[in-house]
Protein backbone atom coordinates (compact mmCIF):
# COMPACT_ATOMS: atom_id res chain seq x y z
CA MET A 1 18.34 4.53 -3.55
CA THR A 2 15.03 3.57 -5.14
CA THR A 3 14.41 0.57 -7.34
CA ALA A 4 12.40 0.67 -10.52
CA LYS A 5 8.82 -0.48 -10.13
CA GLY A 6 6.64 -1.99 -12.79
CA PRO A 7 2.83 -1.88 -13.12
CA GLY A 8 1.08 -2.10 -9.78
CA GLY A 9 4.22 -1.04 -7.90
CA ARG A 10 5.90 -4.45 -8.23
CA LYS A 11 9.51 -5.09 -9.18
CA PRO A 12 10.15 -5.98 -12.84
CA GLY A 13 9.95 -9.72 -13.36
CA PHE A 14 7.38 -10.20 -10.58
CA ARG A 15 5.15 -13.21 -11.21
CA TRP A 16 2.02 -14.19 -9.30
CA SER A 17 1.99 -17.71 -7.90
CA GLU A 18 -0.01 -20.24 -9.89
CA ASP A 19 -2.45 -20.58 -6.98
CA HIS A 20 -3.14 -16.85 -7.00
CA ARG A 21 -3.48 -16.79 -10.79
CA GLN A 22 -6.01 -19.65 -10.58
CA ARG A 23 -8.07 -17.76 -8.00
CA ILE A 24 -8.18 -14.71 -10.24
CA ARG A 25 -9.34 -16.81 -13.21
CA VAL A 26 -12.09 -18.47 -11.15
CA GLY A 27 -13.18 -15.04 -9.86
CA GLU A 28 -13.47 -13.76 -13.43
CA LEU A 29 -15.52 -16.80 -14.45
CA LEU A 30 -17.83 -16.28 -11.47
CA LYS A 31 -18.34 -12.61 -12.34
CA ARG A 32 -19.08 -13.45 -15.99
CA VAL A 33 -21.59 -16.25 -15.26
CA GLN A 34 -23.27 -14.21 -12.51
CA GLY A 35 -23.51 -11.17 -14.78
CA PHE A 36 -25.01 -13.32 -17.52
CA ALA A 37 -27.53 -14.90 -15.13
CA LEU A 38 -28.58 -11.51 -13.75
CA GLY A 39 -28.82 -9.85 -17.17
CA GLU A 40 -26.07 -7.33 -16.42
CA ASN A 41 -24.14 -5.36 -19.02
CA ASP A 42 -20.56 -6.13 -19.98
CA PRO A 43 -18.39 -3.42 -18.37
CA GLN A 44 -16.22 -3.14 -21.50
CA SER A 45 -18.86 -3.06 -24.24
CA GLY A 46 -21.85 -1.78 -22.26
CA ARG A 47 -24.02 -4.43 -23.92
CA PRO A 48 -25.76 -7.32 -22.13
CA ILE A 49 -23.45 -10.22 -21.33
CA GLU A 50 -24.06 -13.06 -23.75
CA MET A 51 -22.85 -16.62 -23.32
CA SER A 52 -23.62 -19.71 -25.39
CA ALA A 53 -24.79 -22.90 -23.71
CA PRO A 54 -21.37 -24.58 -24.16
CA GLN A 55 -19.64 -21.51 -22.65
CA VAL A 56 -21.90 -21.61 -19.60
CA THR A 57 -21.38 -25.36 -19.20
CA ALA A 58 -17.59 -25.04 -19.49
CA ALA A 59 -17.49 -22.12 -17.03
CA LEU A 60 -19.60 -24.00 -14.48
CA LYS A 61 -17.40 -27.11 -14.81
CA LEU A 62 -14.23 -25.06 -14.22
CA ILE A 63 -15.81 -23.23 -11.28
CA GLY A 64 -16.91 -26.59 -9.83
CA LYS A 65 -13.33 -27.86 -9.93
CA ALA A 66 -12.08 -24.86 -7.94
CA ILE A 67 -15.02 -24.33 -5.58
CA PRO A 68 -16.81 -27.45 -4.32
CA ASP A 69 -20.58 -27.49 -4.38
CA LEU A 70 -22.29 -27.03 -1.07
CA ALA A 71 -24.17 -30.18 -0.23
CA ALA A 72 -26.43 -31.01 2.66
CA VAL A 73 -25.06 -33.78 4.82
CA GLN A 74 -27.26 -35.67 7.22
CA LEU A 75 -25.65 -37.73 9.92
CA SER A 76 -28.02 -40.18 11.53
CA GLY A 77 -28.10 -43.41 13.44
CA ASP A 78 -30.74 -45.88 14.45
CA LYS A 79 -32.09 -46.92 17.86
CA ASP A 80 -29.54 -49.74 18.16
CA ASN A 81 -26.59 -47.65 16.93
CA PRO A 82 -27.26 -44.00 17.76
CA VAL A 83 -24.87 -41.26 16.75
CA ALA A 84 -22.71 -40.27 19.70
CA VAL A 85 -21.20 -36.86 20.30
CA VAL A 86 -17.91 -36.98 22.17
CA LYS A 87 -16.36 -33.79 23.57
CA VAL A 88 -12.62 -34.00 24.18
CA THR A 89 -10.90 -31.25 26.17
CA ILE A 90 -7.12 -31.04 26.05
CA GLY A 91 -5.22 -28.97 28.59
CA ALA A 92 -4.48 -28.80 32.30
CA SER A 93 -7.77 -30.49 33.13
CA ALA A 94 -8.02 -32.97 30.24
CA SER A 95 -11.33 -34.82 30.06
CA VAL A 96 -13.58 -36.80 27.79
CA ASP A 97 -17.34 -36.30 27.89
CA ASP A 98 -19.27 -38.91 25.97
CA GLY A 99 -22.63 -37.43 26.95
CA ASP A 100 -23.59 -40.26 29.33
CA GLY A 101 -23.16 -37.98 32.35
């Protein structure tokens, strides 16, 4: 016995999770802003993608909420308090190597 399938081969009443729906929306925003920045044509109209300044700002804000900006992080110490790297191994031969030899 076969069951009826809806669009995309899913059972009627299927609903994507909110997390998945959010990822799709962010992906569409990224494509739109990237297409605008690169001067690409809209796949539906065939004309160049146009966005107003407020649209670009809103899209970037929404993207920023879903995908954090990459930021350089510098970890440093001084001569009196240097940064220490500690290697911890867990298993049959557990050990801690604090780099002092």
